[in-house]
Amino acid sequence: DPAHAPSAHSSTSALGKEVLRLRQWAKETDTGDRDDLVPGVDDR
């Protein structure tokens, strides 16, 4: 959860930020279609 997200100094901080953005997008999207996410995220 956001409270336990990796810190900015963590090697996974960029990944953590992308996943948190995806979680926020999940509350907004009508389609959930990856192609509708702009900008996109990597496969990981």
PDB file of all heavy atoms in Angstrom:
ATOM      1  N   ASP A   1       0.843  -1.180   0.000  1.00  0.00           N
ATOM      2  CA  ASP A   1       0.000   0.000   0.000  1.00  0.00           C
ATOM      3  C   ASP A   1       0.888   1.243   0.000  1.00  0.00           C
ATOM      4  O   ASP A   1       2.081   1.174   0.335  1.00  0.00           O
ATOM      5  CB  ASP A   1      -0.900   0.006   1.239  1.00  0.00           C
ATOM      6  CG  ASP A   1      -1.949  -1.082   1.148  1.00  0.00           C
ATOM      7  OD1 ASP A   1      -2.323  -1.457   0.032  1.00  0.00           O
ATOM      8  OD2 ASP A   1      -2.384  -1.544   2.220  1.00  0.00           O
ATOM      9  N   PRO A   2       0.337   2.414  -0.358  1.00  0.00           N
ATOM     10  CA  PRO A   2       1.154   3.629  -0.441  1.00  0.00           C
ATOM     11  C   PRO A   2       2.004   3.885   0.794  1.00  0.00           C
ATOM     12  O   PRO A   2       3.134   4.343   0.686  1.00  0.00           O
ATOM     13  CB  PRO A   2       0.105   4.731  -0.644  1.00  0.00           C
ATOM     14  CG  PRO A   2      -1.021   4.038  -1.363  1.00  0.00           C
ATOM     15  CD  PRO A   2      -1.049   2.644  -0.788  1.00  0.00           C
ATOM     16  N   ALA A   3       1.487   3.570   1.965  1.00  0.00           N
ATOM     17  CA  ALA A   3       2.250   3.830   3.189  1.00  0.00           C
ATOM     18  C   ALA A   3       3.504   2.983   3.272  1.00  0.00           C
ATOM     19  O   ALA A   3       4.444   3.314   3.973  1.00  0.00           O
ATOM     20  CB  ALA A   3       1.368   3.570   4.412  1.00  0.00           C
ATOM     21  N   HIS A   4       3.507   1.853   2.545  1.00  0.00           N
ATOM     22  CA  HIS A   4       4.654   0.951   2.587  1.00  0.00           C
ATOM     23  C   HIS A   4       5.394   0.907   1.258  1.00  0.00           C
ATOM     24  O   HIS A   4       6.153  -0.012   0.994  1.00  0.00           O
ATOM     25  CB  HIS A   4       4.188  -0.460   2.950  1.00  0.00           C
ATOM     26  CG  HIS A   4       3.472  -0.523   4.265  1.00  0.00           C
ATOM     27  ND1 HIS A   4       2.100  -0.500   4.352  1.00  0.00           N
ATOM     28  CD2 HIS A   4       3.936  -0.580   5.539  1.00  0.00           C
ATOM     29  CE1 HIS A   4       1.735  -0.571   5.637  1.00  0.00           C
ATOM     30  NE2 HIS A   4       2.824  -0.606   6.365  1.00  0.00           N
ATOM     31  N   ALA A   5       5.139   1.893   0.397  1.00  0.00           N
ATOM     32  CA  ALA A   5       5.801   1.911  -0.906  1.00  0.00           C
ATOM     33  C   ALA A   5       7.304   2.087  -0.725  1.00  0.00           C
ATOM     34  O   ALA A   5       7.764   2.700   0.233  1.00  0.00           O
ATOM     35  CB  ALA A   5       5.247   3.054  -1.752  1.00  0.00           C
ATOM     36  N   PRO A   6       8.118   1.570  -1.663  1.00  0.00           N
ATOM     37  CA  PRO A   6       9.563   1.717  -1.566  1.00  0.00           C
ATOM     38  C   PRO A   6       9.967   3.183  -1.525  1.00  0.00           C
ATOM     39  O   PRO A   6       9.323   4.035  -2.128  1.00  0.00           O
ATOM     40  CB  PRO A   6      10.060   1.041  -2.856  1.00  0.00           C
ATOM     41  CG  PRO A   6       8.942   0.142  -3.294  1.00  0.00           C
ATOM     42  CD  PRO A   6       7.700   0.805  -2.841  1.00  0.00           C
ATOM     43  N   SER A   7      11.021   3.467  -0.811  1.00  0.00           N
ATOM     44  CA  SER A   7      11.487   4.848  -0.697  1.00  0.00           C
ATOM     45  C   SER A   7      12.147   5.297  -1.991  1.00  0.00           C
ATOM     46  O   SER A   7      12.450   4.500  -2.863  1.00  0.00           O
ATOM     47  CB  SER A   7      12.510   4.954   0.440  1.00  0.00           C
ATOM     48  OG  SER A   7      13.716   4.317   0.061  1.00  0.00           O
ATOM     49  N   ALA A   8      12.372   6.585  -2.083  1.00  0.00           N
ATOM     50  CA  ALA A   8      12.983   7.139  -3.296  1.00  0.00           C
ATOM     51  C   ALA A   8      14.402   6.634  -3.484  1.00  0.00           C
ATOM     52  O   ALA A   8      14.938   6.683  -4.583  1.00  0.00           O
ATOM     53  CB  ALA A   8      12.972   8.669  -3.228  1.00  0.00           C
ATOM     54  N   HIS A   9      15.020   6.165  -2.398  1.00  0.00           N
ATOM     55  CA  HIS A   9      16.396   5.670  -2.496  1.00  0.00           C
ATOM     56  C   HIS A   9      16.429   4.193  -2.856  1.00  0.00           C
ATOM     57  O   HIS A   9      17.486   3.637  -3.120  1.00  0.00           O
ATOM     58  CB  HIS A   9      17.125   5.898  -1.176  1.00  0.00           C
ATOM     59  CG  HIS A   9      17.162   7.342  -0.762  1.00  0.00           C
ATOM     60  ND1 HIS A   9      17.909   8.277  -1.434  1.00  0.00           N
ATOM     61  CD2 HIS A   9      16.512   8.005   0.236  1.00  0.00           C
ATOM     62  CE1 HIS A   9      17.754   9.463  -0.854  1.00  0.00           C
ATOM     63  NE2 HIS A   9      16.912   9.328   0.154  1.00  0.00           N
ATOM     64  N   SER A  10      15.284   3.545  -2.867  1.00  0.00           N
ATOM     65  CA  SER A  10      15.239   2.118  -3.163  1.00  0.00           C
ATOM     66  C   SER A  10      15.443   1.887  -4.649  1.00  0.00           C
ATOM     67  O   SER A  10      15.049   2.693  -5.485  1.00  0.00           O
ATOM     68  CB  SER A  10      13.887   1.526  -2.741  1.00  0.00           C
ATOM     69  OG  SER A  10      13.730   0.228  -3.269  1.00  0.00           O
ATOM     70  N   SER A  11      16.048   0.754  -4.981  1.00  0.00           N
ATOM     71  CA  SER A  11      16.244   0.417  -6.388  1.00  0.00           C
ATOM     72  C   SER A  11      14.928   0.186  -7.091  1.00  0.00           C
ATOM     73  O   SER A  11      14.857   0.195  -8.315  1.00  0.00           O
ATOM     74  CB  SER A  11      17.132  -0.833  -6.517  1.00  0.00           C
ATOM     75  OG  SER A  11      16.502  -1.947  -5.897  1.00  0.00           O
ATOM     76  N   THR A  12      13.860  -0.047  -6.334  1.00  0.00           N
ATOM     77  CA  THR A  12      12.551  -0.284  -6.943  1.00  0.00           C
ATOM     78  C   THR A  12      11.642   0.933  -6.839  1.00  0.00           C
ATOM     79  O   THR A  12      10.450   0.835  -7.072  1.00  0.00           O
ATOM     80  CB  THR A  12      11.863  -1.490  -6.273  1.00  0.00           C
ATOM     81  OG1 THR A  12      11.704  -1.210  -4.875  1.00  0.00           O
ATOM     82  CG2 THR A  12      12.649  -2.756  -6.475  1.00  0.00           C
ATOM     83  N   SER A  13      12.179   2.102  -6.496  1.00  0.00           N
ATOM     84  CA  SER A  13      11.328   3.274  -6.301  1.00  0.00           C
ATOM     85  C   SER A  13      10.599   3.656  -7.575  1.00  0.00           C
ATOM     86  O   SER A  13       9.428   4.048  -7.529  1.00  0.00           O
ATOM     87  CB  SER A  13      12.161   4.449  -5.795  1.00  0.00           C
ATOM     88  OG  SER A  13      13.170   4.788  -6.725  1.00  0.00           O
ATOM     89  N   ALA A  14      11.249   3.579  -8.732  1.00  0.00           N
ATOM     90  CA  ALA A  14      10.592   3.927  -9.990  1.00  0.00           C
ATOM     91  C   ALA A  14       9.437   2.972 -10.259  1.00  0.00           C
ATOM     92  O   ALA A  14       8.356   3.387 -10.691  1.00  0.00           O
ATOM     93  CB  ALA A  14      11.600   3.894 -11.133  1.00  0.00           C
ATOM     94  N   LEU A  15       9.683   1.689  -9.998  1.00  0.00           N
ATOM     95  CA  LEU A  15       8.620   0.700 -10.173  1.00  0.00           C
ATOM     96  C   LEU A  15       7.470   0.989  -9.218  1.00  0.00           C
ATOM     97  O   LEU A  15       6.294   0.946  -9.603  1.00  0.00           O
ATOM     98  CB  LEU A  15       9.166  -0.710  -9.929  1.00  0.00           C
ATOM     99  CG  LEU A  15       8.142  -1.843  -9.904  1.00  0.00           C
ATOM    100  CD1 LEU A  15       7.446  -1.978 -11.245  1.00  0.00           C
ATOM    101  CD2 LEU A  15       8.827  -3.166  -9.529  1.00  0.00           C
ATOM    102  N   GLY A  16       7.785   1.311  -7.973  1.00  0.00           N
ATOM    103  CA  GLY A  16       6.753   1.609  -6.989  1.00  0.00           C
ATOM    104  C   GLY A  16       5.881   2.782  -7.411  1.00  0.00           C
ATOM    105  O   GLY A  16       4.661   2.742  -7.279  1.00  0.00           O
ATOM    106  N   LYS A  17       6.509   3.830  -7.954  1.00  0.00           N
ATOM    107  CA  LYS A  17       5.751   4.992  -8.401  1.00  0.00           C
ATOM    108  C   LYS A  17       4.820   4.638  -9.554  1.00  0.00           C
ATOM    109  O   LYS A  17       3.690   5.123  -9.635  1.00  0.00           O
ATOM    110  CB  LYS A  17       6.714   6.110  -8.818  1.00  0.00           C
ATOM    111  CG  LYS A  17       7.478   6.723  -7.650  1.00  0.00           C
ATOM    112  CD  LYS A  17       8.487   7.756  -8.135  1.00  0.00           C
ATOM    113  CE  LYS A  17       9.280   8.336  -6.963  1.00  0.00           C
ATOM    114  NZ  LYS A  17      10.320   9.291  -7.431  1.00  0.00           N
ATOM    115  N   GLU A  18       5.302   3.780 -10.457  1.00  0.00           N
ATOM    116  CA  GLU A  18       4.457   3.387 -11.586  1.00  0.00           C
ATOM    117  C   GLU A  18       3.251   2.590 -11.114  1.00  0.00           C
ATOM    118  O   GLU A  18       2.131   2.791 -11.598  1.00  0.00           O
ATOM    119  CB  GLU A  18       5.265   2.567 -12.595  1.00  0.00           C
ATOM    120  CG  GLU A  18       6.204   3.387 -13.444  1.00  0.00           C
ATOM    121  CD  GLU A  18       6.731   2.612 -14.626  1.00  0.00           C
ATOM    122  OE1 GLU A  18       6.919   1.382 -14.498  1.00  0.00           O
ATOM    123  OE2 GLU A  18       6.961   3.216 -15.684  1.00  0.00           O
ATOM    124  N   VAL A  19       3.468   1.688 -10.162  1.00  0.00           N
ATOM    125  CA  VAL A  19       2.357   0.877  -9.669  1.00  0.00           C
ATOM    126  C   VAL A  19       1.356   1.744  -8.916  1.00  0.00           C
ATOM    127  O   VAL A  19       0.131   1.562  -9.038  1.00  0.00           O
ATOM    128  CB  VAL A  19       2.872  -0.277  -8.794  1.00  0.00           C
ATOM    129  CG1 VAL A  19       1.711  -1.031  -8.155  1.00  0.00           C
ATOM    130  CG2 VAL A  19       3.715  -1.233  -9.632  1.00  0.00           C
ATOM    131  N   LEU A  20       1.844   2.699  -8.142  1.00  0.00           N
ATOM    132  CA  LEU A  20       0.932   3.605  -7.441  1.00  0.00           C
ATOM    133  C   LEU A  20       0.115   4.436  -8.434  1.00  0.00           C
ATOM    134  O   LEU A  20      -1.079   4.691  -8.219  1.00  0.00           O
ATOM    135  CB  LEU A  20       1.721   4.522  -6.507  1.00  0.00           C
ATOM    136  CG  LEU A  20       2.411   3.833  -5.327  1.00  0.00           C
ATOM    137  CD1 LEU A  20       3.158   4.857  -4.484  1.00  0.00           C
ATOM    138  CD2 LEU A  20       1.406   3.075  -4.480  1.00  0.00           C
ATOM    139  N   ARG A  21       0.750   4.834  -9.533  1.00  0.00           N
ATOM    140  CA  ARG A  21       0.008   5.571 -10.563  1.00  0.00           C
ATOM    141  C   ARG A  21      -1.058   4.679 -11.198  1.00  0.00           C
ATOM    142  O   ARG A  21      -2.171   5.123 -11.497  1.00  0.00           O
ATOM    143  CB  ARG A  21       0.968   6.103 -11.631  1.00  0.00           C
ATOM    144  CG  ARG A  21       0.272   6.937 -12.703  1.00  0.00           C
ATOM    145  CD  ARG A  21       1.274   7.774 -13.480  1.00  0.00           C
ATOM    146  NE  ARG A  21       2.123   6.980 -14.331  1.00  0.00           N
ATOM    147  CZ  ARG A  21       1.809   6.638 -15.589  1.00  0.00           C
ATOM    148  NH1 ARG A  21       0.655   7.025 -16.107  1.00  0.00           N
ATOM    149  NH2 ARG A  21       2.639   5.930 -16.308  1.00  0.00           N
ATOM    150  N   LEU A  22      -0.726   3.413 -11.391  1.00  0.00           N
ATOM    151  CA  LEU A  22      -1.698   2.477 -11.949  1.00  0.00           C
ATOM    152  C   LEU A  22      -2.885   2.290 -11.004  1.00  0.00           C
ATOM    153  O   LEU A  22      -4.036   2.184 -11.439  1.00  0.00           O
ATOM    154  CB  LEU A  22      -1.029   1.124 -12.228  1.00  0.00           C
ATOM    155  CG  LEU A  22      -0.147   1.068 -13.478  1.00  0.00           C
ATOM    156  CD1 LEU A  22       0.709  -0.192 -13.461  1.00  0.00           C
ATOM    157  CD2 LEU A  22      -0.992   1.108 -14.735  1.00  0.00           C
ATOM    158  N   ARG A  23      -2.604   2.256  -9.715  1.00  0.00           N
ATOM    159  CA  ARG A  23      -3.696   2.100  -8.742  1.00  0.00           C
ATOM    160  C   ARG A  23      -4.627   3.314  -8.761  1.00  0.00           C
ATOM    161  O   ARG A  23      -5.841   3.181  -8.630  1.00  0.00           O
ATOM    162  CB  ARG A  23      -3.115   1.892  -7.344  1.00  0.00           C
ATOM    163  CG  ARG A  23      -2.481   0.523  -7.168  1.00  0.00           C
ATOM    164  CD  ARG A  23      -1.980   0.331  -5.753  1.00  0.00           C
ATOM    165  NE  ARG A  23      -1.624  -1.058  -5.516  1.00  0.00           N
ATOM    166  CZ  ARG A  23      -1.190  -1.529  -4.352  1.00  0.00           C
ATOM    167  NH1 ARG A  23      -1.052  -0.695  -3.326  1.00  0.00           N
ATOM    168  NH2 ARG A  23      -0.888  -2.802  -4.207  1.00  0.00           N
ATOM    169  N   GLN A  24      -4.048   4.489  -8.934  1.00  0.00           N
ATOM    170  CA  GLN A  24      -4.877   5.681  -9.034  1.00  0.00           C
ATOM    171  C   GLN A  24      -5.682   5.662 -10.325  1.00  0.00           C
ATOM    172  O   GLN A  24      -6.869   6.010 -10.350  1.00  0.00           O
ATOM    173  CB  GLN A  24      -3.991   6.935  -8.976  1.00  0.00           C
ATOM    174  CG  GLN A  24      -4.769   8.247  -9.085  1.00  0.00           C
ATOM    175  CD  GLN A  24      -5.790   8.407  -7.966  1.00  0.00           C
ATOM    176  OE1 GLN A  24      -5.530   8.054  -6.811  1.00  0.00           O
ATOM    177  NE2 GLN A  24      -6.958   8.942  -8.302  1.00  0.00           N
ATOM    178  N   TRP A  25      -5.036   5.238 -11.408  1.00  0.00           N
ATOM    179  CA  TRP A  25      -5.719   5.167 -12.699  1.00  0.00           C
ATOM    180  C   TRP A  25      -6.890   4.187 -12.659  1.00  0.00           C
ATOM    181  O   TRP A  25      -7.912   4.399 -13.327  1.00  0.00           O
ATOM    182  CB  TRP A  25      -4.715   4.759 -13.770  1.00  0.00           C
ATOM    183  CG  TRP A  25      -5.270   4.663 -15.163  1.00  0.00           C
ATOM    184  CD1 TRP A  25      -5.759   5.681 -15.928  1.00  0.00           C
ATOM    185  CD2 TRP A  25      -5.390   3.476 -15.950  1.00  0.00           C
ATOM    186  NE1 TRP A  25      -6.167   5.205 -17.158  1.00  0.00           N
ATOM    187  CE2 TRP A  25      -5.949   3.861 -17.197  1.00  0.00           C
ATOM    188  CE3 TRP A  25      -5.060   2.136 -15.733  1.00  0.00           C
ATOM    189  CZ2 TRP A  25      -6.192   2.937 -18.217  1.00  0.00           C
ATOM    190  CZ3 TRP A  25      -5.304   1.223 -16.750  1.00  0.00           C
ATOM    191  CH2 TRP A  25      -5.872   1.619 -17.971  1.00  0.00           C
ATOM    192  N   ALA A  26      -6.759   3.127 -11.861  1.00  0.00           N
ATOM    193  CA  ALA A  26      -7.830   2.133 -11.740  1.00  0.00           C
ATOM    194  C   ALA A  26      -9.123   2.770 -11.229  1.00  0.00           C
ATOM    195  O   ALA A  26     -10.221   2.281 -11.519  1.00  0.00           O
ATOM    196  CB  ALA A  26      -7.399   1.004 -10.813  1.00  0.00           C
ATOM    197  N   LYS A  27      -8.999   3.869 -10.490  1.00  0.00           N
ATOM    198  CA  LYS A  27     -10.188   4.542  -9.960  1.00  0.00           C
ATOM    199  C   LYS A  27     -10.817   5.483 -10.981  1.00  0.00           C
ATOM    200  O   LYS A  27     -11.939   5.951 -10.771  1.00  0.00           O
ATOM    201  CB  LYS A  27      -9.810   5.342  -8.705  1.00  0.00           C
ATOM    202  CG  LYS A  27      -9.194   4.505  -7.594  1.00  0.00           C
ATOM    203  CD  LYS A  27      -8.710   5.400  -6.451  1.00  0.00           C
ATOM    204  CE  LYS A  27      -7.997   4.588  -5.375  1.00  0.00           C
ATOM    205  NZ  LYS A  27      -7.465   5.467  -4.291  1.00  0.00           N
ATOM    206  N   GLU A  28     -10.092   5.752 -12.063  1.00  0.00           N
ATOM    207  CA  GLU A  28     -10.543   6.754 -13.020  1.00  0.00           C
ATOM    208  C   GLU A  28     -10.952   6.169 -14.372  1.00  0.00           C
ATOM    209  O   GLU A  28     -11.813   6.728 -15.048  1.00  0.00           O
ATOM    210  CB  GLU A  28      -9.424   7.785 -13.254  1.00  0.00           C
ATOM    211  CG  GLU A  28      -8.923   8.448 -11.977  1.00  0.00           C
ATOM    212  CD  GLU A  28      -7.588   9.152 -12.185  1.00  0.00           C
ATOM    213  OE1 GLU A  28      -7.042   9.050 -13.309  1.00  0.00           O
ATOM    214  OE2 GLU A  28      -7.089   9.786 -11.229  1.00  0.00           O
ATOM    215  N   THR A  29     -10.333   5.068 -14.785  1.00  0.00           N
ATOM    216  CA  THR A  29     -10.539   4.546 -16.133  1.00  0.00           C
ATOM    217  C   THR A  29     -11.900   3.884 -16.298  1.00  0.00           C
ATOM    218  O   THR A  29     -12.422   3.264 -15.368  1.00  0.00           O
ATOM    219  CB  THR A  29      -9.429   3.537 -16.496  1.00  0.00           C
ATOM    220  OG1 THR A  29      -9.698   2.983 -17.794  1.00  0.00           O
ATOM    221  CG2 THR A  29      -9.367   2.386 -15.496  1.00  0.00           C
ATOM    222  N   ASP A  30     -12.445   4.008 -17.502  1.00  0.00           N
ATOM    223  CA  ASP A  30     -13.692   3.329 -17.835  1.00  0.00           C
ATOM    224  C   ASP A  30     -13.444   2.006 -18.554  1.00  0.00           C
ATOM    225  O   ASP A  30     -14.337   1.174 -18.657  1.00  0.00           O
ATOM    226  CB  ASP A  30     -14.561   4.216 -18.740  1.00  0.00           C
ATOM    227  CG  ASP A  30     -15.033   5.468 -18.019  1.00  0.00           C
ATOM    228  OD1 ASP A  30     -15.300   5.396 -16.804  1.00  0.00           O
ATOM    229  OD2 ASP A  30     -15.126   6.525 -18.689  1.00  0.00           O
ATOM    230  N   THR A  31     -12.228   1.820 -19.073  1.00  0.00           N
ATOM    231  CA  THR A  31     -11.944   0.643 -19.895  1.00  0.00           C
ATOM    232  C   THR A  31     -10.942  -0.317 -19.258  1.00  0.00           C
ATOM    233  O   THR A  31     -10.982  -1.513 -19.516  1.00  0.00           O
ATOM    234  CB  THR A  31     -11.392   1.061 -21.268  1.00  0.00           C
ATOM    235  OG1 THR A  31     -10.107   1.686 -21.084  1.00  0.00           O
ATOM    236  CG2 THR A  31     -12.338   2.028 -21.962  1.00  0.00           C
ATOM    237  N   GLY A  32      -9.998   0.212 -18.460  1.00  0.00           N
ATOM    238  CA  GLY A  32      -8.934  -0.627 -17.925  1.00  0.00           C
ATOM    239  C   GLY A  32      -7.978  -1.121 -18.991  1.00  0.00           C
ATOM    240  O   GLY A  32      -7.098  -1.944 -18.719  1.00  0.00           O
ATOM    241  N   ASP A  33      -8.100  -0.612 -20.200  1.00  0.00           N
ATOM    242  CA  ASP A  33      -7.285  -1.043 -21.338  1.00  0.00           C
ATOM    243  C   ASP A  33      -5.916  -0.379 -21.252  1.00  0.00           C
ATOM    244  O   ASP A  33      -5.812   0.854 -21.182  1.00  0.00           O
ATOM    245  CB  ASP A  33      -7.992  -0.658 -22.639  1.00  0.00           C
ATOM    246  CG  ASP A  33      -7.304  -1.212 -23.880  1.00  0.00           C
ATOM    247  OD1 ASP A  33      -6.087  -1.459 -23.834  1.00  0.00           O
ATOM    248  OD2 ASP A  33      -7.997  -1.390 -24.897  1.00  0.00           O
ATOM    249  N   ARG A  34      -4.876  -1.186 -21.281  1.00  0.00           N
ATOM    250  CA  ARG A  34      -3.521  -0.653 -21.150  1.00  0.00           C
ATOM    251  C   ARG A  34      -3.221   0.421 -22.187  1.00  0.00           C
ATOM    252  O   ARG A  34      -2.507   1.395 -21.895  1.00  0.00           O
ATOM    253  CB  ARG A  34      -2.503  -1.790 -21.273  1.00  0.00           C
ATOM    254  CG  ARG A  34      -1.061  -1.354 -21.079  1.00  0.00           C
ATOM    255  CD  ARG A  34      -0.106  -2.535 -21.149  1.00  0.00           C
ATOM    256  NE  ARG A  34       1.267  -2.126 -20.931  1.00  0.00           N
ATOM    257  CZ  ARG A  34       2.308  -2.951 -20.914  1.00  0.00           C
ATOM    258  NH1 ARG A  34       2.104  -4.256 -21.092  1.00  0.00           N
ATOM    259  NH2 ARG A  34       3.525  -2.501 -20.710  1.00  0.00           N
ATOM    260  N   ASP A  35      -3.772   0.286 -23.382  1.00  0.00           N
ATOM    261  CA  ASP A  35      -3.506   1.255 -24.435  1.00  0.00           C
ATOM    262  C   ASP A  35      -4.108   2.622 -24.143  1.00  0.00           C
ATOM    263  O   ASP A  35      -3.737   3.619 -24.772  1.00  0.00           O
ATOM    264  CB  ASP A  35      -4.047   0.741 -25.772  1.00  0.00           C
ATOM    265  CG  ASP A  35      -3.133  -0.294 -26.404  1.00  0.00           C
ATOM    266  OD1 ASP A  35      -1.966  -0.373 -25.989  1.00  0.00           O
ATOM    267  OD2 ASP A  35      -3.583  -1.019 -27.298  1.00  0.00           O
ATOM    268  N   ASP A  36      -5.051   2.678 -23.210  1.00  0.00           N
ATOM    269  CA  ASP A  36      -5.676   3.959 -22.865  1.00  0.00           C
ATOM    270  C   ASP A  36      -4.911   4.697 -21.774  1.00  0.00           C
ATOM    271  O   ASP A  36      -5.284   5.817 -21.404  1.00  0.00           O
ATOM    272  CB  ASP A  36      -7.119   3.735 -22.400  1.00  0.00           C
ATOM    273  CG  ASP A  36      -8.017   3.275 -23.538  1.00  0.00           C
ATOM    274  OD1 ASP A  36      -7.651   3.502 -24.700  1.00  0.00           O
ATOM    275  OD2 ASP A  36      -9.074   2.672 -23.265  1.00  0.00           O
ATOM    276  N   LEU A  37      -3.850   4.098 -21.249  1.00  0.00           N
ATOM    277  CA  LEU A  37      -3.035   4.735 -20.217  1.00  0.00           C
ATOM    278  C   LEU A  37      -1.942   5.566 -20.869  1.00  0.00           C
ATOM    279  O   LEU A  37      -1.071   5.029 -21.562  1.00  0.00           O
ATOM    280  CB  LEU A  37      -2.419   3.672 -19.300  1.00  0.00           C
ATOM    281  CG  LEU A  37      -1.459   4.178 -18.220  1.00  0.00           C
ATOM    282  CD1 LEU A  37      -2.208   5.025 -17.199  1.00  0.00           C
ATOM    283  CD2 LEU A  37      -0.761   3.006 -17.536  1.00  0.00           C
ATOM    284  N   VAL A  38      -1.985   6.882 -20.659  1.00  0.00           N
ATOM    285  CA  VAL A  38      -0.996   7.790 -21.248  1.00  0.00           C
ATOM    286  C   VAL A  38      -0.442   8.701 -20.162  1.00  0.00           C
ATOM    287  O   VAL A  38      -1.218   9.384 -19.485  1.00  0.00           O
ATOM    288  CB  VAL A  38      -1.626   8.644 -22.369  1.00  0.00           C
ATOM    289  CG1 VAL A  38      -0.583   9.590 -22.974  1.00  0.00           C
ATOM    290  CG2 VAL A  38      -2.215   7.755 -23.456  1.00  0.00           C
ATOM    291  N   PRO A  39       0.885   8.725 -19.959  1.00  0.00           N
ATOM    292  CA  PRO A  39       1.864   7.863 -20.621  1.00  0.00           C
ATOM    293  C   PRO A  39       1.776   6.437 -20.091  1.00  0.00           C
ATOM    294  O   PRO A  39       1.243   6.193 -19.008  1.00  0.00           O
ATOM    295  CB  PRO A  39       3.208   8.517 -20.256  1.00  0.00           C
ATOM    296  CG  PRO A  39       2.939   9.193 -18.944  1.00  0.00           C
ATOM    297  CD  PRO A  39       1.523   9.684 -19.019  1.00  0.00           C
ATOM    298  N   GLY A  40       2.316   5.520 -20.842  1.00  0.00           N
ATOM    299  CA  GLY A  40       2.240   4.119 -20.469  1.00  0.00           C
ATOM    300  C   GLY A  40       3.253   3.736 -19.403  1.00  0.00           C
ATOM    301  O   GLY A  40       3.997   4.579 -18.892  1.00  0.00           O
ATOM    302  N   VAL A  41       3.252   2.460 -19.052  1.00  0.00           N
ATOM    303  CA  VAL A  41       4.213   1.924 -18.087  1.00  0.00           C
ATOM    304  C   VAL A  41       4.890   0.713 -18.714  1.00  0.00           C
ATOM    305  O   VAL A  41       4.413   0.161 -19.704  1.00  0.00           O
ATOM    306  CB  VAL A  41       3.518   1.510 -16.766  1.00  0.00           C
ATOM    307  CG1 VAL A  41       2.905   2.713 -16.080  1.00  0.00           C
ATOM    308  CG2 VAL A  41       2.456   0.440 -17.015  1.00  0.00           C
ATOM    309  N   ASP A  42       5.988   0.292 -18.116  1.00  0.00           N
ATOM    310  CA  ASP A  42       6.691  -0.862 -18.675  1.00  0.00           C
ATOM    311  C   ASP A  42       6.004  -2.165 -18.265  1.00  0.00           C
ATOM    312  O   ASP A  42       5.091  -2.192 -17.428  1.00  0.00           O
ATOM    313  CB  ASP A  42       8.168  -0.861 -18.278  1.00  0.00           C
ATOM    314  CG  ASP A  42       8.380  -0.961 -16.773  1.00  0.00           C
ATOM    315  OD1 ASP A  42       7.482  -1.440 -16.056  1.00  0.00           O
ATOM    316  OD2 ASP A  42       9.467  -0.568 -16.307  1.00  0.00           O
ATOM    317  N   ASP A  43       6.459  -3.259 -18.862  1.00  0.00           N
ATOM    318  CA  ASP A  43       5.820  -4.557 -18.637  1.00  0.00           C
ATOM    319  C   ASP A  43       5.893  -4.985 -17.174  1.00  0.00           C
ATOM    320  O   ASP A  43       4.957  -5.592 -16.650  1.00  0.00           O
ATOM    321  CB  ASP A  43       6.486  -5.624 -19.504  1.00  0.00           C
ATOM    322  CG  ASP A  43       6.192  -5.436 -20.979  1.00  0.00           C
ATOM    323  OD1 ASP A  43       5.262  -4.671 -21.302  1.00  0.00           O
ATOM    324  OD2 ASP A  43       6.889  -6.043 -21.817  1.00  0.00           O
ATOM    325  N   ARG A  44       7.004  -4.658 -16.522  1.00  0.00           N
ATOM    326  CA  ARG A  44       7.171  -5.089 -15.133  1.00  0.00           C
ATOM    327  C   ARG A  44       6.104  -4.475 -14.234  1.00  0.00           C
ATOM    328  O   ARG A  44       5.510  -5.141 -13.389  1.00  0.00           O
ATOM    329  CB  ARG A  44       8.572  -4.709 -14.646  1.00  0.00           C
ATOM    330  CG  ARG A  44       8.913  -5.259 -13.264  1.00  0.00           C
ATOM    331  CD  ARG A  44      10.301  -4.820 -12.857  1.00  0.00           C
ATOM    332  NE  ARG A  44      10.595  -5.207 -11.483  1.00  0.00           N
ATOM    333  CZ  ARG A  44      11.528  -4.636 -10.742  1.00  0.00           C
ATOM    334  NH1 ARG A  44      12.249  -3.639 -11.246  1.00  0.00           N
ATOM    335  NH2 ARG A  44      11.758  -5.037  -9.515  1.00  0.00           N
TER     336      ARG A  44
END
